[in-house]
N, C-alpha and C. Protein backbone atom coordinates (compact mmCIF):
# COMPACT_ATOMS: atom_id res chain seq x y z
N MET A 1 12.13 -34.84 6.99
CA MET A 1 10.77 -34.33 6.84
C MET A 1 10.14 -34.95 5.60
N ARG A 2 8.97 -35.53 5.78
CA ARG A 2 8.24 -36.11 4.64
C ARG A 2 7.06 -35.22 4.31
N ILE A 3 6.94 -34.86 3.04
CA ILE A 3 5.89 -33.95 2.59
C ILE A 3 5.04 -34.63 1.53
N ILE A 4 3.74 -34.64 1.77
CA ILE A 4 2.78 -35.16 0.78
C ILE A 4 2.31 -33.99 -0.06
N VAL A 5 2.34 -34.13 -1.38
CA VAL A 5 1.92 -33.06 -2.28
C VAL A 5 0.82 -33.59 -3.20
N ARG A 6 -0.38 -33.09 -3.01
CA ARG A 6 -1.50 -33.41 -3.91
C ARG A 6 -1.53 -32.32 -4.98
N SER A 7 -1.37 -32.73 -6.24
CA SER A 7 -1.22 -31.73 -7.29
C SER A 7 -1.62 -32.28 -8.64
N SER A 8 -1.86 -31.35 -9.57
CA SER A 8 -2.03 -31.71 -10.97
C SER A 8 -0.63 -31.87 -11.57
N PRO A 9 -0.52 -32.46 -12.76
CA PRO A 9 0.81 -32.57 -13.39
C PRO A 9 1.48 -31.21 -13.58
N GLN A 10 0.71 -30.18 -13.97
CA GLN A 10 1.31 -28.85 -14.17
C GLN A 10 1.81 -28.27 -12.85
N GLN A 11 1.01 -28.42 -11.78
CA GLN A 11 1.44 -27.91 -10.48
C GLN A 11 2.68 -28.65 -9.98
N GLN A 12 2.71 -29.96 -10.22
CA GLN A 12 3.88 -30.74 -9.81
C GLN A 12 5.12 -30.26 -10.57
N GLU A 13 4.97 -29.98 -11.84
CA GLU A 13 6.09 -29.48 -12.65
C GLU A 13 6.60 -28.16 -12.08
N GLU A 14 5.67 -27.26 -11.71
CA GLU A 14 6.07 -25.98 -11.14
C GLU A 14 6.74 -26.19 -9.78
N TRP A 15 6.19 -27.10 -8.97
CA TRP A 15 6.77 -27.41 -7.66
C TRP A 15 8.21 -27.89 -7.83
N LEU A 16 8.42 -28.78 -8.79
CA LEU A 16 9.75 -29.36 -9.01
C LEU A 16 10.74 -28.36 -9.62
N SER A 17 10.22 -27.25 -10.15
CA SER A 17 11.12 -26.23 -10.71
C SER A 17 11.76 -25.39 -9.62
N LYS A 18 11.25 -25.53 -8.38
CA LYS A 18 11.79 -24.77 -7.26
C LYS A 18 12.90 -25.58 -6.58
N PRO A 19 13.65 -24.96 -5.64
CA PRO A 19 14.70 -25.71 -4.94
C PRO A 19 14.17 -27.01 -4.33
N ALA A 20 14.99 -28.04 -4.33
CA ALA A 20 14.56 -29.38 -3.91
C ALA A 20 14.51 -29.56 -2.41
N GLY A 21 15.12 -28.65 -1.67
CA GLY A 21 15.08 -28.75 -0.22
C GLY A 21 16.27 -29.48 0.35
N ALA A 22 16.29 -29.58 1.68
CA ALA A 22 17.38 -30.24 2.39
C ALA A 22 17.43 -31.72 2.03
N ALA A 23 18.55 -32.34 2.29
CA ALA A 23 18.76 -33.75 1.91
C ALA A 23 17.77 -34.68 2.59
N ASP A 24 17.31 -34.33 3.80
CA ASP A 24 16.41 -35.22 4.53
C ASP A 24 14.94 -34.95 4.24
N VAL A 25 14.65 -34.11 3.23
CA VAL A 25 13.26 -33.85 2.84
C VAL A 25 12.89 -34.80 1.70
N SER A 26 11.79 -35.52 1.89
CA SER A 26 11.30 -36.42 0.84
C SER A 26 9.86 -36.06 0.49
N PHE A 27 9.46 -36.43 -0.72
CA PHE A 27 8.15 -36.05 -1.21
C PHE A 27 7.39 -37.26 -1.74
N VAL A 28 6.07 -37.21 -1.59
CA VAL A 28 5.18 -38.17 -2.25
C VAL A 28 4.17 -37.33 -3.02
N TYR A 29 4.04 -37.59 -4.32
CA TYR A 29 3.15 -36.81 -5.17
C TYR A 29 1.98 -37.67 -5.63
N GLY A 30 0.85 -37.01 -5.89
CA GLY A 30 -0.29 -37.72 -6.45
C GLY A 30 -1.57 -36.94 -6.24
N ASP A 31 -2.68 -37.52 -6.68
CA ASP A 31 -3.98 -36.86 -6.59
C ASP A 31 -4.73 -37.28 -5.32
N ASP A 32 -4.47 -38.46 -4.83
CA ASP A 32 -5.20 -38.96 -3.66
C ASP A 32 -4.21 -39.66 -2.73
N VAL A 33 -3.35 -38.86 -2.08
CA VAL A 33 -2.22 -39.42 -1.34
C VAL A 33 -2.23 -39.04 0.14
N PHE A 34 -3.32 -38.47 0.61
CA PHE A 34 -3.33 -38.00 2.00
C PHE A 34 -3.52 -39.12 3.01
N ASN A 35 -3.68 -40.36 2.52
CA ASN A 35 -3.76 -41.50 3.44
C ASN A 35 -2.35 -41.98 3.83
N VAL A 36 -1.31 -41.36 3.28
CA VAL A 36 0.07 -41.71 3.60
C VAL A 36 0.53 -40.82 4.75
N ASP A 37 1.19 -41.40 5.76
CA ASP A 37 1.64 -40.62 6.89
C ASP A 37 2.78 -39.70 6.49
N ALA A 38 2.74 -38.46 6.99
CA ALA A 38 3.78 -37.49 6.65
C ALA A 38 3.87 -36.43 7.75
N ASP A 39 4.88 -35.57 7.63
CA ASP A 39 5.05 -34.47 8.58
C ASP A 39 4.28 -33.24 8.15
N VAL A 40 4.17 -33.05 6.83
CA VAL A 40 3.51 -31.88 6.26
C VAL A 40 2.68 -32.34 5.07
N TYR A 41 1.49 -31.74 4.93
CA TYR A 41 0.61 -32.06 3.79
C TYR A 41 0.41 -30.79 2.97
N VAL A 42 0.44 -30.95 1.65
CA VAL A 42 0.25 -29.82 0.74
C VAL A 42 -0.84 -30.22 -0.25
N ASP A 43 -1.92 -29.44 -0.30
CA ASP A 43 -3.01 -29.72 -1.24
C ASP A 43 -3.13 -28.56 -2.22
N LEU A 44 -2.52 -28.74 -3.38
CA LEU A 44 -2.56 -27.71 -4.41
C LEU A 44 -3.84 -27.79 -5.25
N LEU A 45 -4.64 -28.83 -5.02
CA LEU A 45 -5.91 -29.00 -5.74
C LEU A 45 -7.11 -28.61 -4.88
N PHE A 46 -6.84 -27.98 -3.74
CA PHE A 46 -7.88 -27.69 -2.76
C PHE A 46 -9.06 -26.92 -3.35
N GLU A 47 -8.78 -25.92 -4.20
CA GLU A 47 -9.87 -25.09 -4.77
C GLU A 47 -10.59 -25.78 -5.92
N GLU A 48 -9.98 -26.81 -6.48
CA GLU A 48 -10.52 -27.39 -7.71
C GLU A 48 -11.25 -28.70 -7.50
N LYS A 49 -10.85 -29.45 -6.45
CA LYS A 49 -11.42 -30.79 -6.27
C LYS A 49 -12.02 -30.90 -4.88
N SER A 50 -12.76 -31.98 -4.68
CA SER A 50 -13.41 -32.18 -3.39
C SER A 50 -12.36 -32.32 -2.29
N ALA A 51 -12.73 -31.87 -1.10
CA ALA A 51 -11.82 -31.92 0.04
C ALA A 51 -11.52 -33.36 0.43
N LEU A 52 -10.34 -33.56 0.98
CA LEU A 52 -9.94 -34.87 1.48
C LEU A 52 -10.08 -34.91 3.00
N PHE A 53 -9.79 -36.05 3.58
CA PHE A 53 -9.69 -36.15 5.03
C PHE A 53 -8.31 -35.65 5.41
N TYR A 54 -8.25 -34.53 6.10
CA TYR A 54 -6.98 -33.92 6.44
C TYR A 54 -6.58 -34.22 7.88
N PRO A 55 -5.33 -34.55 8.14
CA PRO A 55 -4.87 -34.78 9.51
C PRO A 55 -5.03 -33.50 10.34
N GLU A 56 -5.56 -33.61 11.54
CA GLU A 56 -5.81 -32.43 12.36
C GLU A 56 -4.58 -31.95 13.11
N GLN A 57 -3.61 -32.82 13.34
CA GLN A 57 -2.45 -32.46 14.15
C GLN A 57 -1.22 -32.11 13.31
N LYS A 58 -1.36 -32.11 12.00
CA LYS A 58 -0.22 -31.82 11.12
C LYS A 58 -0.52 -30.55 10.32
N PRO A 59 0.52 -29.80 9.95
CA PRO A 59 0.29 -28.61 9.12
C PRO A 59 -0.17 -29.01 7.72
N VAL A 60 -1.18 -28.31 7.22
CA VAL A 60 -1.72 -28.56 5.89
C VAL A 60 -1.67 -27.25 5.10
N PHE A 61 -0.80 -27.21 4.09
CA PHE A 61 -0.73 -26.06 3.19
C PHE A 61 -1.73 -26.30 2.06
N VAL A 62 -2.63 -25.34 1.85
CA VAL A 62 -3.63 -25.50 0.79
C VAL A 62 -3.56 -24.32 -0.16
N SER A 63 -3.73 -24.60 -1.45
CA SER A 63 -3.84 -23.53 -2.43
C SER A 63 -5.25 -22.96 -2.29
N ALA A 64 -5.36 -22.00 -1.38
CA ALA A 64 -6.66 -21.36 -1.10
C ALA A 64 -6.49 -19.87 -1.33
N VAL A 65 -6.60 -19.47 -2.58
CA VAL A 65 -6.39 -18.07 -2.94
C VAL A 65 -7.62 -17.24 -2.60
N ILE A 66 -8.80 -17.84 -2.67
CA ILE A 66 -10.04 -17.10 -2.44
C ILE A 66 -10.52 -17.22 -1.00
N LYS A 67 -10.53 -18.43 -0.45
CA LYS A 67 -10.97 -18.63 0.94
C LYS A 67 -9.94 -18.07 1.91
N THR A 68 -10.43 -17.48 3.01
CA THR A 68 -9.53 -16.96 4.03
C THR A 68 -9.44 -17.94 5.19
N LEU A 69 -8.52 -17.67 6.11
CA LEU A 69 -8.26 -18.60 7.22
C LEU A 69 -9.48 -18.82 8.10
N GLU A 70 -10.32 -17.81 8.23
CA GLU A 70 -11.51 -17.98 9.09
C GLU A 70 -12.47 -19.02 8.54
N GLU A 71 -12.33 -19.37 7.27
CA GLU A 71 -13.16 -20.40 6.66
C GLU A 71 -12.50 -21.78 6.68
N LEU A 72 -11.30 -21.87 7.24
CA LEU A 72 -10.51 -23.09 7.19
C LEU A 72 -10.16 -23.59 8.58
N PRO A 73 -9.85 -24.89 8.72
CA PRO A 73 -9.42 -25.41 10.02
C PRO A 73 -8.15 -24.73 10.54
N ALA A 74 -7.93 -24.82 11.85
CA ALA A 74 -6.84 -24.08 12.50
C ALA A 74 -5.45 -24.51 12.03
N ASN A 75 -5.31 -25.75 11.56
CA ASN A 75 -3.99 -26.23 11.12
C ASN A 75 -3.71 -25.94 9.65
N PHE A 76 -4.62 -25.22 8.97
CA PHE A 76 -4.45 -24.92 7.55
C PHE A 76 -3.63 -23.64 7.37
N ILE A 77 -2.82 -23.65 6.34
CA ILE A 77 -1.99 -22.51 5.95
C ILE A 77 -2.26 -22.26 4.47
N ARG A 78 -2.59 -21.03 4.12
CA ARG A 78 -2.89 -20.70 2.72
C ARG A 78 -1.61 -20.45 1.94
N ILE A 79 -1.60 -20.91 0.70
CA ILE A 79 -0.48 -20.66 -0.20
C ILE A 79 -1.05 -20.33 -1.58
N ASN A 80 -0.43 -19.38 -2.26
CA ASN A 80 -0.88 -19.04 -3.60
C ASN A 80 -0.16 -19.95 -4.58
N ALA A 81 -0.86 -21.00 -5.01
CA ALA A 81 -0.28 -21.96 -5.96
C ALA A 81 -1.09 -22.00 -7.25
N TRP A 82 -1.74 -20.90 -7.58
CA TRP A 82 -2.37 -20.84 -8.89
C TRP A 82 -1.31 -21.07 -9.96
N ASN A 83 -1.73 -21.62 -11.09
CA ASN A 83 -0.79 -21.89 -12.18
C ASN A 83 0.03 -20.64 -12.50
N GLY A 84 1.33 -20.82 -12.55
CA GLY A 84 2.24 -19.72 -12.85
C GLY A 84 2.85 -19.07 -11.63
N PHE A 85 2.22 -19.21 -10.46
CA PHE A 85 2.70 -18.49 -9.27
C PHE A 85 3.80 -19.24 -8.53
N LEU A 86 3.79 -20.55 -8.57
CA LEU A 86 4.86 -21.29 -7.90
C LEU A 86 6.20 -21.11 -8.60
N LYS A 87 6.17 -20.71 -9.85
CA LYS A 87 7.42 -20.48 -10.59
C LYS A 87 8.14 -19.23 -10.11
N ARG A 88 7.41 -18.36 -9.42
CA ARG A 88 8.02 -17.11 -8.97
C ARG A 88 9.02 -17.39 -7.85
N GLU A 89 9.98 -16.48 -7.71
CA GLU A 89 11.04 -16.67 -6.71
C GLU A 89 10.48 -16.69 -5.30
N ARG A 90 9.45 -15.89 -5.05
CA ARG A 90 8.89 -15.74 -3.70
C ARG A 90 7.47 -16.29 -3.67
N VAL A 91 7.18 -17.11 -2.66
CA VAL A 91 5.86 -17.73 -2.53
C VAL A 91 5.04 -16.95 -1.49
N GLU A 92 3.78 -16.68 -1.84
CA GLU A 92 2.90 -15.98 -0.91
C GLU A 92 2.22 -16.98 0.03
N VAL A 93 2.26 -16.66 1.32
CA VAL A 93 1.66 -17.52 2.33
C VAL A 93 0.82 -16.66 3.27
N ALA A 94 -0.35 -17.13 3.63
CA ALA A 94 -1.18 -16.49 4.66
C ALA A 94 -1.35 -17.49 5.79
N SER A 95 -0.98 -17.07 6.99
CA SER A 95 -0.96 -17.99 8.12
C SER A 95 -1.40 -17.29 9.39
N SER A 96 -1.95 -18.06 10.32
CA SER A 96 -2.20 -17.52 11.66
C SER A 96 -0.86 -17.26 12.33
N GLU A 97 -0.86 -16.42 13.36
CA GLU A 97 0.37 -16.16 14.11
C GLU A 97 0.92 -17.45 14.70
N LYS A 98 0.03 -18.30 15.17
CA LYS A 98 0.44 -19.56 15.78
C LYS A 98 1.21 -20.44 14.81
N ASN A 99 0.80 -20.42 13.53
CA ASN A 99 1.42 -21.31 12.54
C ASN A 99 2.63 -20.71 11.83
N LYS A 100 2.93 -19.44 12.08
CA LYS A 100 4.05 -18.80 11.36
C LYS A 100 5.39 -19.49 11.62
N PRO A 101 5.70 -19.94 12.84
CA PRO A 101 6.96 -20.68 13.03
C PRO A 101 7.02 -21.97 12.22
N ILE A 102 5.86 -22.63 12.05
CA ILE A 102 5.79 -23.85 11.24
C ILE A 102 6.09 -23.51 9.78
N VAL A 103 5.48 -22.41 9.30
CA VAL A 103 5.72 -21.98 7.92
C VAL A 103 7.21 -21.73 7.71
N LYS A 104 7.83 -21.01 8.62
CA LYS A 104 9.25 -20.70 8.48
C LYS A 104 10.09 -21.97 8.46
N LYS A 105 9.77 -22.91 9.34
CA LYS A 105 10.53 -24.17 9.40
C LYS A 105 10.41 -24.93 8.08
N VAL A 106 9.18 -25.05 7.56
CA VAL A 106 8.96 -25.79 6.31
C VAL A 106 9.65 -25.09 5.14
N MET A 107 9.49 -23.77 5.06
CA MET A 107 10.11 -23.03 3.96
C MET A 107 11.64 -23.10 4.03
N ASP A 108 12.17 -23.04 5.23
CA ASP A 108 13.63 -23.17 5.38
C ASP A 108 14.10 -24.55 4.92
N GLU A 109 13.34 -25.60 5.30
CA GLU A 109 13.69 -26.96 4.88
C GLU A 109 13.63 -27.11 3.36
N LEU A 110 12.65 -26.44 2.75
CA LEU A 110 12.51 -26.50 1.30
C LEU A 110 13.55 -25.64 0.59
N GLY A 111 14.06 -24.62 1.30
CA GLY A 111 14.96 -23.66 0.66
C GLY A 111 14.21 -22.64 -0.18
N TRP A 112 12.94 -22.39 0.18
CA TRP A 112 12.10 -21.46 -0.55
C TRP A 112 12.07 -20.11 0.14
N THR A 113 11.94 -19.06 -0.64
CA THR A 113 11.73 -17.72 -0.11
C THR A 113 10.22 -17.46 -0.07
N HIS A 114 9.74 -16.92 1.05
CA HIS A 114 8.30 -16.69 1.15
C HIS A 114 8.01 -15.31 1.71
N THR A 115 6.79 -14.87 1.47
CA THR A 115 6.28 -13.61 2.01
C THR A 115 4.97 -13.90 2.71
N PHE A 116 4.82 -13.40 3.92
CA PHE A 116 3.53 -13.51 4.59
C PHE A 116 2.60 -12.45 4.02
N ALA A 117 1.54 -12.91 3.36
CA ALA A 117 0.56 -12.02 2.75
C ALA A 117 -0.60 -11.79 3.71
N PRO A 118 -1.33 -10.71 3.55
CA PRO A 118 -2.52 -10.51 4.39
C PRO A 118 -3.54 -11.60 4.12
N ASP A 119 -4.27 -11.96 5.17
CA ASP A 119 -5.28 -13.02 5.04
C ASP A 119 -6.56 -12.46 4.45
N VAL A 120 -6.49 -12.14 3.16
CA VAL A 120 -7.64 -11.62 2.43
C VAL A 120 -7.77 -12.42 1.13
N ALA A 121 -8.95 -12.37 0.55
CA ALA A 121 -9.14 -13.05 -0.74
C ALA A 121 -8.16 -12.48 -1.76
N GLY A 122 -7.43 -13.37 -2.44
CA GLY A 122 -6.49 -12.94 -3.46
C GLY A 122 -5.11 -12.62 -2.97
N MET A 123 -4.93 -12.59 -1.64
CA MET A 123 -3.63 -12.25 -1.06
C MET A 123 -3.10 -10.95 -1.69
N ILE A 124 -1.92 -10.99 -2.33
CA ILE A 124 -1.37 -9.77 -2.95
C ILE A 124 -1.38 -9.89 -4.47
N ALA A 125 -0.62 -10.84 -5.00
CA ALA A 125 -0.41 -10.92 -6.45
C ALA A 125 -1.68 -11.31 -7.20
N ALA A 126 -2.43 -12.27 -6.67
CA ALA A 126 -3.62 -12.75 -7.41
C ALA A 126 -4.68 -11.66 -7.53
N ARG A 127 -4.88 -10.88 -6.46
CA ARG A 127 -5.90 -9.82 -6.55
C ARG A 127 -5.44 -8.73 -7.51
N THR A 128 -4.13 -8.46 -7.56
CA THR A 128 -3.61 -7.45 -8.49
C THR A 128 -3.78 -7.92 -9.94
N ILE A 129 -3.43 -9.16 -10.19
CA ILE A 129 -3.54 -9.67 -11.56
C ILE A 129 -5.01 -9.81 -11.97
N ALA A 130 -5.86 -10.20 -11.02
CA ALA A 130 -7.30 -10.28 -11.32
C ALA A 130 -7.83 -8.92 -11.75
N MET A 131 -7.39 -7.87 -11.07
CA MET A 131 -7.82 -6.51 -11.43
C MET A 131 -7.31 -6.13 -12.81
N ILE A 132 -6.05 -6.47 -13.12
CA ILE A 132 -5.48 -6.16 -14.43
C ILE A 132 -6.24 -6.90 -15.53
N VAL A 133 -6.54 -8.17 -15.28
CA VAL A 133 -7.31 -8.95 -16.27
C VAL A 133 -8.69 -8.34 -16.46
N ASN A 134 -9.33 -7.96 -15.37
CA ASN A 134 -10.66 -7.36 -15.44
C ASN A 134 -10.64 -6.08 -16.28
N GLU A 135 -9.66 -5.21 -16.02
CA GLU A 135 -9.56 -3.95 -16.77
C GLU A 135 -9.29 -4.22 -18.25
N ALA A 136 -8.50 -5.26 -18.53
CA ALA A 136 -8.22 -5.61 -19.93
C ALA A 136 -9.51 -6.04 -20.64
N TYR A 137 -10.36 -6.77 -19.91
CA TYR A 137 -11.64 -7.18 -20.51
C TYR A 137 -12.57 -5.99 -20.73
N PHE A 138 -12.54 -5.02 -19.81
CA PHE A 138 -13.32 -3.80 -20.04
C PHE A 138 -12.82 -3.09 -21.29
N ALA A 139 -11.49 -3.02 -21.47
CA ALA A 139 -10.91 -2.37 -22.65
C ALA A 139 -11.30 -3.12 -23.92
N LEU A 140 -11.28 -4.44 -23.85
CA LEU A 140 -11.68 -5.26 -25.00
C LEU A 140 -13.14 -5.00 -25.36
N GLU A 141 -13.98 -4.94 -24.32
CA GLU A 141 -15.42 -4.72 -24.53
C GLU A 141 -15.68 -3.36 -25.15
N GLU A 142 -14.84 -2.38 -24.81
CA GLU A 142 -15.01 -1.03 -25.34
C GLU A 142 -14.36 -0.85 -26.71
N GLY A 143 -13.75 -1.92 -27.22
CA GLY A 143 -13.15 -1.87 -28.54
C GLY A 143 -11.82 -1.13 -28.60
N VAL A 144 -11.13 -1.02 -27.46
CA VAL A 144 -9.84 -0.32 -27.43
C VAL A 144 -8.83 -1.02 -28.32
N SER A 145 -8.79 -2.36 -28.24
CA SER A 145 -7.86 -3.12 -29.06
C SER A 145 -8.22 -4.59 -28.99
N THR A 146 -7.39 -5.43 -29.61
CA THR A 146 -7.62 -6.87 -29.59
C THR A 146 -6.92 -7.48 -28.38
N LYS A 147 -7.26 -8.71 -28.06
CA LYS A 147 -6.59 -9.43 -26.97
C LYS A 147 -5.08 -9.50 -27.21
N GLU A 148 -4.71 -9.86 -28.43
CA GLU A 148 -3.30 -10.03 -28.76
C GLU A 148 -2.53 -8.71 -28.60
N ASN A 149 -3.12 -7.62 -29.07
CA ASN A 149 -2.43 -6.33 -28.98
C ASN A 149 -2.36 -5.81 -27.55
N ILE A 150 -3.40 -6.06 -26.76
CA ILE A 150 -3.37 -5.65 -25.36
C ILE A 150 -2.30 -6.44 -24.62
N ASP A 151 -2.21 -7.74 -24.88
CA ASP A 151 -1.16 -8.56 -24.27
C ASP A 151 0.23 -8.03 -24.64
N THR A 152 0.42 -7.75 -25.91
CA THR A 152 1.72 -7.25 -26.38
C THR A 152 2.05 -5.92 -25.72
N ALA A 153 1.08 -5.01 -25.67
CA ALA A 153 1.30 -3.69 -25.08
C ALA A 153 1.70 -3.80 -23.61
N MET A 154 1.03 -4.68 -22.87
CA MET A 154 1.33 -4.83 -21.44
C MET A 154 2.71 -5.44 -21.23
N LYS A 155 3.07 -6.40 -22.06
CA LYS A 155 4.40 -7.02 -21.91
C LYS A 155 5.52 -6.03 -22.27
N LEU A 156 5.32 -5.27 -23.34
CA LEU A 156 6.33 -4.30 -23.74
C LEU A 156 6.38 -3.11 -22.80
N GLY A 157 5.23 -2.68 -22.34
CA GLY A 157 5.16 -1.47 -21.52
C GLY A 157 5.49 -1.68 -20.06
N THR A 158 5.25 -2.88 -19.55
CA THR A 158 5.44 -3.12 -18.10
C THR A 158 6.44 -4.24 -17.82
N ASN A 159 6.89 -4.93 -18.87
CA ASN A 159 7.81 -6.06 -18.72
C ASN A 159 7.19 -7.22 -17.95
N TYR A 160 5.85 -7.34 -18.02
CA TYR A 160 5.17 -8.48 -17.40
C TYR A 160 5.55 -9.76 -18.15
N PRO A 161 5.60 -10.91 -17.45
CA PRO A 161 5.89 -12.17 -18.15
C PRO A 161 4.76 -12.60 -19.08
N TYR A 162 3.54 -12.19 -18.74
CA TYR A 162 2.36 -12.48 -19.57
C TYR A 162 1.53 -11.22 -19.71
N GLY A 163 0.79 -11.16 -20.82
CA GLY A 163 -0.23 -10.13 -20.93
C GLY A 163 -1.45 -10.57 -20.13
N PRO A 164 -2.43 -9.68 -19.92
CA PRO A 164 -3.58 -10.04 -19.09
C PRO A 164 -4.40 -11.22 -19.61
N PHE A 165 -4.56 -11.32 -20.91
CA PHE A 165 -5.34 -12.44 -21.44
C PHE A 165 -4.54 -13.74 -21.38
N GLU A 166 -3.21 -13.62 -21.52
CA GLU A 166 -2.35 -14.80 -21.34
C GLU A 166 -2.40 -15.26 -19.88
N TRP A 167 -2.38 -14.30 -18.94
CA TRP A 167 -2.51 -14.66 -17.52
C TRP A 167 -3.82 -15.41 -17.29
N ALA A 168 -4.90 -14.89 -17.89
CA ALA A 168 -6.20 -15.52 -17.71
C ALA A 168 -6.19 -16.96 -18.21
N GLN A 169 -5.47 -17.20 -19.30
CA GLN A 169 -5.38 -18.55 -19.85
C GLN A 169 -4.54 -19.45 -18.96
N VAL A 170 -3.40 -18.93 -18.46
CA VAL A 170 -2.52 -19.72 -17.59
C VAL A 170 -3.22 -20.09 -16.29
N ILE A 171 -3.83 -19.10 -15.65
CA ILE A 171 -4.48 -19.31 -14.35
C ILE A 171 -5.79 -20.06 -14.50
N GLY A 172 -6.55 -19.67 -15.50
CA GLY A 172 -7.92 -20.17 -15.67
C GLY A 172 -8.87 -19.01 -15.42
N LEU A 173 -9.62 -18.61 -16.45
CA LEU A 173 -10.49 -17.45 -16.33
C LEU A 173 -11.55 -17.63 -15.25
N LYS A 174 -12.01 -18.86 -15.06
CA LYS A 174 -13.04 -19.09 -14.04
C LYS A 174 -12.52 -18.77 -12.64
N LYS A 175 -11.26 -19.11 -12.36
CA LYS A 175 -10.68 -18.79 -11.05
C LYS A 175 -10.63 -17.28 -10.85
N ILE A 176 -10.21 -16.57 -11.88
CA ILE A 176 -10.14 -15.11 -11.79
C ILE A 176 -11.54 -14.54 -11.58
N TYR A 177 -12.50 -15.06 -12.30
CA TYR A 177 -13.89 -14.62 -12.16
C TYR A 177 -14.39 -14.83 -10.74
N MET A 178 -14.13 -16.00 -10.18
CA MET A 178 -14.58 -16.30 -8.81
C MET A 178 -13.91 -15.38 -7.79
N LEU A 179 -12.64 -15.06 -8.00
CA LEU A 179 -11.95 -14.13 -7.10
C LEU A 179 -12.56 -12.74 -7.22
N LEU A 180 -12.81 -12.28 -8.43
CA LEU A 180 -13.42 -10.96 -8.62
C LEU A 180 -14.79 -10.89 -7.96
N ILE A 181 -15.57 -11.95 -8.07
CA ILE A 181 -16.89 -11.98 -7.43
C ILE A 181 -16.74 -11.84 -5.92
N ALA A 182 -15.79 -12.58 -5.34
CA ALA A 182 -15.56 -12.52 -3.89
C ALA A 182 -15.11 -11.13 -3.46
N LEU A 183 -14.22 -10.53 -4.24
CA LEU A 183 -13.70 -9.20 -3.90
C LEU A 183 -14.76 -8.11 -4.07
N SER A 184 -15.62 -8.27 -5.06
CA SER A 184 -16.61 -7.22 -5.36
C SER A 184 -17.71 -7.13 -4.31
N VAL A 185 -17.82 -8.14 -3.45
CA VAL A 185 -18.81 -8.08 -2.37
C VAL A 185 -18.55 -6.88 -1.47
N LYS A 186 -17.26 -6.56 -1.25
CA LYS A 186 -16.90 -5.45 -0.36
C LYS A 186 -16.39 -4.22 -1.10
N GLU A 187 -15.90 -4.41 -2.35
CA GLU A 187 -15.30 -3.30 -3.07
C GLU A 187 -15.81 -3.24 -4.50
N ASN A 188 -16.49 -2.16 -4.85
CA ASN A 188 -17.09 -2.02 -6.18
C ASN A 188 -16.06 -1.99 -7.30
N ARG A 189 -14.81 -1.62 -6.96
CA ARG A 189 -13.80 -1.53 -8.02
C ARG A 189 -13.49 -2.89 -8.64
N TYR A 190 -13.93 -3.97 -7.97
CA TYR A 190 -13.71 -5.31 -8.51
C TYR A 190 -14.92 -5.85 -9.26
N LEU A 191 -15.93 -5.00 -9.51
CA LEU A 191 -17.08 -5.46 -10.28
C LEU A 191 -16.61 -6.00 -11.62
N THR A 192 -17.11 -7.17 -11.97
CA THR A 192 -16.56 -7.92 -13.09
C THR A 192 -17.06 -7.42 -14.44
N ALA A 193 -16.16 -7.34 -15.40
CA ALA A 193 -16.54 -7.00 -16.77
C ALA A 193 -17.53 -8.05 -17.28
N PRO A 194 -18.67 -7.64 -17.80
CA PRO A 194 -19.69 -8.61 -18.25
C PRO A 194 -19.15 -9.65 -19.23
N ILE A 195 -18.19 -9.25 -20.06
CA ILE A 195 -17.66 -10.18 -21.06
C ILE A 195 -16.91 -11.36 -20.41
N ILE A 196 -16.38 -11.15 -19.21
CA ILE A 196 -15.72 -12.26 -18.51
C ILE A 196 -16.75 -13.32 -18.17
N GLU A 197 -17.87 -12.90 -17.61
CA GLU A 197 -18.92 -13.87 -17.27
C GLU A 197 -19.42 -14.59 -18.50
N GLN A 198 -19.54 -13.88 -19.61
CA GLN A 198 -19.99 -14.51 -20.85
C GLN A 198 -19.00 -15.58 -21.29
N GLU A 199 -17.70 -15.29 -21.19
CA GLU A 199 -16.69 -16.27 -21.60
C GLU A 199 -16.67 -17.48 -20.67
N VAL A 200 -16.78 -17.22 -19.36
CA VAL A 200 -16.72 -18.29 -18.38
C VAL A 200 -17.87 -19.28 -18.56
N PHE A 201 -19.05 -18.77 -18.85
CA PHE A 201 -20.23 -19.63 -18.90
C PHE A 201 -20.73 -19.91 -20.31
N SER A 202 -19.92 -19.55 -21.32
CA SER A 202 -20.36 -19.82 -22.70
C SER A 202 -20.05 -21.27 -23.09
């Protein structure tokens, strides 16, 4: 199985930190590599850069944390590859029923553990962390504490690998902001702390 991976250097580093896969799995990495023939295509830059010409008959895994499957071609499979998430033991995937056997085959070949997440903006982990980051910004705005102390409190109190402001830095605050905006269209609990918008556009 040949897999094309379009990624940033950081995403490639996270990808390589996971199991290498079966002996017959090979990889090609780069920013503009979808013109190379392969069995599976992975676009971890999908949300950040302009779309490429994607093969219609091959499975395409895209880091599409905000867009849902109804907004994507039928051969697309969503994966949560925001910075920091590929390092986790279990990878979140959102797929049509038709593509689930393909997902299982690819994940088995890679030796990765995966969870089928609901096909909603943010899947599971990203929407949870976006909410935590948002609440932390509300607390900051209300003068509850400093960024550093809130991060420390969350790490000590919940054993999180990062505090909320550290998560925002790892993922990118703009991505979190865009997810919160998408979620708040249907649910008021995701209304964004004004200070986030100020930081994103300052």
